[in-house]
Amino acid sequence: MSTSAAAFRLICLLHSVIALSSGALMMFYMKEMYTFTHGIETATKLLGSTPHDQLLIRTSDSFAGLLLFAVGFLLFMVSFVKDREFQSFFAKGCTVLHGSVAVWRFWFERRVEDLAWDWLRQTVGDILLAFSWVFFLVYSWREKYD
C-alpha cells in the first residue's frame, strides 16, 4: 500500500469516527449536546416551546443524526477503495463540501441570534476538516510527481 493510500484511509477513518459519533449523539442525546455546546438557556430555546415544536425538532435532529451516521458509514467503506483517481476525486469533493458548509455558516448561521456566538468555532472546525483533505491532495500530488 502506498503512503498516499494509507493517508487516504487514515483521513477517511478519522472523518468516519467523527461523523459516526456525532450522528449517534444527535440521534440519542441531542438535549444534552445542546446544553453542553450552547448552555442551558439557549438549549431550552433551541428545543422548542410547545410539545408540537419539540416533537418536530427532535424528529428533525434524529433524521439529521441518522444522515450523519450514514455519511460516517459511507466514509468507512470508501476508506478501503484503492483507486488513486477516485481518492483524488473524493478528496476534492470533500474539500468543496466542507468549504461550502463553512461559507453557509459564515453567511447564514451567524445571523441566527441564539447561534451567533458559536458560528466561528464551527466554521474553524469545517475549515480544518477541509484542510485535512487538502493535505491529502498535496501529499498525493507530491508522491505522484516525485
C-alpha atoms as a PDB file:
ATOM      1  CA  MET A   1       0.000   0.000   0.000  1.00  0.00           C
ATOM      2  CA  SER A   2       1.413   3.398  -0.989  1.00  0.00           C
ATOM      3  CA  THR A   3       1.766   6.136   1.565  1.00  0.00           C
ATOM      4  CA  SER A   4      -0.920   8.286  -0.093  1.00  0.00           C
ATOM      5  CA  ALA A   5      -3.360   5.355   0.099  1.00  0.00           C
ATOM      6  CA  ALA A   6      -2.536   4.989   3.776  1.00  0.00           C
ATOM      7  CA  ALA A   7      -3.072   8.712   4.293  1.00  0.00           C
ATOM      8  CA  PHE A   8      -6.425   8.491   2.472  1.00  0.00           C
ATOM      9  CA  ARG A   9      -7.514   5.588   4.669  1.00  0.00           C
ATOM     10  CA  LEU A  10      -6.430   7.402   7.830  1.00  0.00           C
ATOM     11  CA  ILE A  11      -8.241  10.619   6.914  1.00  0.00           C
ATOM     12  CA  CYS A  12     -11.385   8.710   5.888  1.00  0.00           C
ATOM     13  CA  LEU A  13     -11.379   6.712   9.110  1.00  0.00           C
ATOM     14  CA  LEU A  14     -10.847   9.853  11.197  1.00  0.00           C
ATOM     15  CA  HIS A  15     -13.728  11.621   9.469  1.00  0.00           C
ATOM     16  CA  SER A  16     -15.804   8.449   9.768  1.00  0.00           C
ATOM     17  CA  VAL A  17     -15.329   8.275  13.537  1.00  0.00           C
ATOM     18  CA  ILE A  18     -16.253  11.955  13.849  1.00  0.00           C
ATOM     19  CA  ALA A  19     -19.397  11.522  11.717  1.00  0.00           C
ATOM     20  CA  LEU A  20     -20.481   8.262  13.386  1.00  0.00           C
ATOM     21  CA  SER A  21     -20.093   9.608  16.907  1.00  0.00           C
ATOM     22  CA  SER A  22     -21.688  12.973  16.087  1.00  0.00           C
ATOM     23  CA  GLY A  23     -24.593  11.243  14.345  1.00  0.00           C
ATOM     24  CA  ALA A  24     -25.190   8.884  17.258  1.00  0.00           C
ATOM     25  CA  LEU A  25     -25.090  11.772  19.718  1.00  0.00           C
ATOM     26  CA  MET A  26     -27.532  13.765  17.579  1.00  0.00           C
ATOM     27  CA  MET A  27     -29.973  10.867  17.394  1.00  0.00           C
ATOM     28  CA  PHE A  28     -29.990   9.921  21.062  1.00  0.00           C
ATOM     29  CA  TYR A  29     -28.548  12.758  23.179  1.00  0.00           C
ATOM     30  CA  MET A  30     -29.466  15.990  21.394  1.00  0.00           C
ATOM     31  CA  LYS A  31     -30.781  17.755  24.513  1.00  0.00           C
ATOM     32  CA  GLU A  32     -27.539  17.031  26.350  1.00  0.00           C
ATOM     33  CA  MET A  33     -25.472  18.111  23.327  1.00  0.00           C
ATOM     34  CA  TYR A  34     -27.374  21.410  23.040  1.00  0.00           C
ATOM     35  CA  THR A  35     -26.857  22.022  26.751  1.00  0.00           C
ATOM     36  CA  PHE A  36     -23.154  21.162  26.554  1.00  0.00           C
ATOM     37  CA  THR A  37     -22.424  23.235  23.445  1.00  0.00           C
ATOM     38  CA  HIS A  38     -24.795  26.188  23.880  1.00  0.00           C
ATOM     39  CA  GLY A  39     -25.691  26.385  27.564  1.00  0.00           C
ATOM     40  CA  ILE A  40     -28.972  25.685  29.344  1.00  0.00           C
ATOM     41  CA  GLU A  41     -30.797  28.888  28.324  1.00  0.00           C
ATOM     42  CA  THR A  42     -30.016  28.611  24.609  1.00  0.00           C
ATOM     43  CA  ALA A  43     -30.664  24.851  24.640  1.00  0.00           C
ATOM     44  CA  THR A  44     -34.149  25.493  26.003  1.00  0.00           C
ATOM     45  CA  LYS A  45     -34.844  27.907  23.144  1.00  0.00           C
ATOM     46  CA  LEU A  46     -33.431  25.546  20.522  1.00  0.00           C
ATOM     47  CA  LEU A  47     -35.516  22.615  21.735  1.00  0.00           C
ATOM     48  CA  GLY A  48     -38.836  24.433  21.201  1.00  0.00           C
ATOM     49  CA  SER A  49     -41.501  25.841  23.473  1.00  0.00           C
ATOM     50  CA  THR A  50     -44.582  23.744  22.652  1.00  0.00           C
ATOM     51  CA  PRO A  51     -44.860  19.946  22.629  1.00  0.00           C
ATOM     52  CA  HIS A  52     -45.529  20.028  18.868  1.00  0.00           C
ATOM     53  CA  ASP A  53     -42.399  22.129  18.227  1.00  0.00           C
ATOM     54  CA  GLN A  54     -40.357  19.864  20.469  1.00  0.00           C
ATOM     55  CA  LEU A  55     -41.521  16.770  18.590  1.00  0.00           C
ATOM     56  CA  LEU A  56     -40.699  18.348  15.228  1.00  0.00           C
ATOM     57  CA  ILE A  57     -37.251  19.460  16.416  1.00  0.00           C
ATOM     58  CA  ARG A  58     -36.463  16.051  17.961  1.00  0.00           C
ATOM     59  CA  THR A  59     -37.572  14.308  14.763  1.00  0.00           C
ATOM     60  CA  SER A  60     -35.510  16.658  12.613  1.00  0.00           C
ATOM     61  CA  ASP A  61     -32.443  16.196  14.831  1.00  0.00           C
ATOM     62  CA  SER A  62     -32.870  12.429  14.734  1.00  0.00           C
ATOM     63  CA  PHE A  63     -33.016  12.372  10.948  1.00  0.00           C
ATOM     64  CA  ALA A  64     -30.020  14.713  10.697  1.00  0.00           C
ATOM     65  CA  GLY A  65     -28.126  12.416  13.073  1.00  0.00           C
ATOM     66  CA  LEU A  66     -29.134   9.381  11.036  1.00  0.00           C
ATOM     67  CA  LEU A  67     -27.880  11.081   7.880  1.00  0.00           C
ATOM     68  CA  LEU A  68     -24.595  11.952   9.559  1.00  0.00           C
ATOM     69  CA  PHE A  69     -24.288   8.371  10.814  1.00  0.00           C
ATOM     70  CA  ALA A  70     -24.866   7.112   7.247  1.00  0.00           C
ATOM     71  CA  VAL A  71     -22.187   9.507   5.957  1.00  0.00           C
ATOM     72  CA  GLY A  72     -19.787   8.117   8.567  1.00  0.00           C
ATOM     73  CA  PHE A  73     -20.541   4.583   7.453  1.00  0.00           C
ATOM     74  CA  LEU A  74     -20.038   5.609   3.820  1.00  0.00           C
ATOM     75  CA  LEU A  75     -16.675   7.176   4.707  1.00  0.00           C
ATOM     76  CA  PHE A  76     -15.687   3.937   6.414  1.00  0.00           C
ATOM     77  CA  MET A  77     -16.499   1.965   3.262  1.00  0.00           C
ATOM     78  CA  VAL A  78     -14.761   4.474   0.967  1.00  0.00           C
ATOM     79  CA  SER A  79     -11.598   4.286   3.065  1.00  0.00           C
ATOM     80  CA  PHE A  80     -10.890   0.844   1.564  1.00  0.00           C
ATOM     81  CA  VAL A  81     -11.011   1.995  -2.077  1.00  0.00           C
ATOM     82  CA  LYS A  82      -7.548   1.734  -3.623  1.00  0.00           C
ATOM     83  CA  ASP A  83      -8.100   3.591  -6.900  1.00  0.00           C
ATOM     84  CA  ARG A  84      -5.846   6.666  -6.802  1.00  0.00           C
ATOM     85  CA  GLU A  85      -8.024   8.695  -9.196  1.00  0.00           C
ATOM     86  CA  PHE A  86     -11.145   8.030  -7.145  1.00  0.00           C
ATOM     87  CA  GLN A  87      -9.313   9.013  -3.963  1.00  0.00           C
ATOM     88  CA  SER A  88      -8.299  12.317  -5.535  1.00  0.00           C
ATOM     89  CA  PHE A  89     -11.825  12.945  -6.842  1.00  0.00           C
ATOM     90  CA  PHE A  90     -13.344  12.097  -3.467  1.00  0.00           C
ATOM     91  CA  ALA A  91     -10.914  14.350  -1.587  1.00  0.00           C
ATOM     92  CA  LYS A  92     -11.700  17.265  -3.918  1.00  0.00           C
ATOM     93  CA  GLY A  93     -15.416  16.721  -3.375  1.00  0.00           C
ATOM     94  CA  CYS A  94     -14.995  16.614   0.401  1.00  0.00           C
ATOM     95  CA  THR A  95     -12.932  19.804   0.298  1.00  0.00           C
ATOM     96  CA  VAL A  96     -15.685  21.576  -1.652  1.00  0.00           C
ATOM     97  CA  LEU A  97     -18.330  20.196   0.723  1.00  0.00           C
ATOM     98  CA  HIS A  98     -16.542  21.373   3.880  1.00  0.00           C
ATOM     99  CA  GLY A  99     -15.795  24.740   2.270  1.00  0.00           C
ATOM    100  CA  SER A 100     -19.460  25.147   1.328  1.00  0.00           C
ATOM    101  CA  VAL A 101     -20.568  24.368   4.866  1.00  0.00           C
ATOM    102  CA  ALA A 102     -18.089  26.934   6.214  1.00  0.00           C
ATOM    103  CA  VAL A 103     -19.440  29.568   3.806  1.00  0.00           C
ATOM    104  CA  TRP A 104     -23.019  28.674   4.795  1.00  0.00           C
ATOM    105  CA  ARG A 105     -22.160  29.081   8.476  1.00  0.00           C
ATOM    106  CA  PHE A 106     -20.499  32.430   7.776  1.00  0.00           C
ATOM    107  CA  TRP A 107     -23.353  33.870   5.707  1.00  0.00           C
ATOM    108  CA  PHE A 108     -26.424  32.417   7.410  1.00  0.00           C
ATOM    109  CA  GLU A 109     -25.810  30.736  10.751  1.00  0.00           C
ATOM    110  CA  ARG A 110     -24.089  33.741  12.296  1.00  0.00           C
ATOM    111  CA  ARG A 111     -27.294  35.728  11.730  1.00  0.00           C
ATOM    112  CA  VAL A 112     -29.318  33.404  13.964  1.00  0.00           C
ATOM    113  CA  GLU A 113     -29.315  35.236  17.269  1.00  0.00           C
ATOM    114  CA  ASP A 114     -29.118  32.150  19.507  1.00  0.00           C
ATOM    115  CA  LEU A 115     -26.252  30.650  17.491  1.00  0.00           C
ATOM    116  CA  ALA A 116     -24.355  33.838  16.675  1.00  0.00           C
ATOM    117  CA  TRP A 117     -21.550  33.255  19.178  1.00  0.00           C
ATOM    118  CA  ASP A 118     -20.980  29.635  18.095  1.00  0.00           C
ATOM    119  CA  TRP A 119     -20.600  30.006  14.323  1.00  0.00           C
ATOM    120  CA  LEU A 120     -16.917  30.947  14.429  1.00  0.00           C
ATOM    121  CA  ARG A 121     -15.874  27.799  16.310  1.00  0.00           C
ATOM    122  CA  GLN A 122     -17.864  25.582  13.951  1.00  0.00           C
ATOM    123  CA  THR A 123     -16.559  27.390  10.870  1.00  0.00           C
ATOM    124  CA  VAL A 124     -12.976  26.880  12.021  1.00  0.00           C
ATOM    125  CA  GLY A 125     -13.781  23.180  12.509  1.00  0.00           C
ATOM    126  CA  ASP A 126     -15.157  22.943   8.964  1.00  0.00           C
ATOM    127  CA  ILE A 127     -12.064  24.650   7.572  1.00  0.00           C
ATOM    128  CA  LEU A 128      -9.780  22.265   9.485  1.00  0.00           C
ATOM    129  CA  LEU A 129     -11.693  19.272   8.122  1.00  0.00           C
ATOM    130  CA  ALA A 130     -11.333  20.712   4.604  1.00  0.00           C
ATOM    131  CA  PHE A 131      -7.593  21.218   5.167  1.00  0.00           C
ATOM    132  CA  SER A 132      -7.189  17.557   6.072  1.00  0.00           C
ATOM    133  CA  TRP A 133      -8.380  16.701   2.545  1.00  0.00           C
ATOM    134  CA  VAL A 134      -6.183  19.422   1.035  1.00  0.00           C
ATOM    135  CA  PHE A 135      -3.271  17.897   2.943  1.00  0.00           C
ATOM    136  CA  PHE A 136      -4.047  14.541   1.331  1.00  0.00           C
ATOM    137  CA  LEU A 137      -4.259  16.107  -2.148  1.00  0.00           C
ATOM    138  CA  VAL A 138      -0.918  17.882  -1.752  1.00  0.00           C
ATOM    139  CA  TYR A 139       0.656  14.733  -0.328  1.00  0.00           C
ATOM    140  CA  SER A 140      -0.636  12.553  -3.174  1.00  0.00           C
ATOM    141  CA  TRP A 141       0.433  15.109  -5.827  1.00  0.00           C
ATOM    142  CA  ARG A 142       3.898  15.178  -4.314  1.00  0.00           C
ATOM    143  CA  GLU A 143       4.073  11.399  -4.418  1.00  0.00           C
ATOM    144  CA  LYS A 144       2.717  11.315  -7.990  1.00  0.00           C
ATOM    145  CA  TYR A 145       5.180  13.843  -9.421  1.00  0.00           C
ATOM    146  CA  ASP A 146       8.340  12.867  -7.496  1.00  0.00           C
END
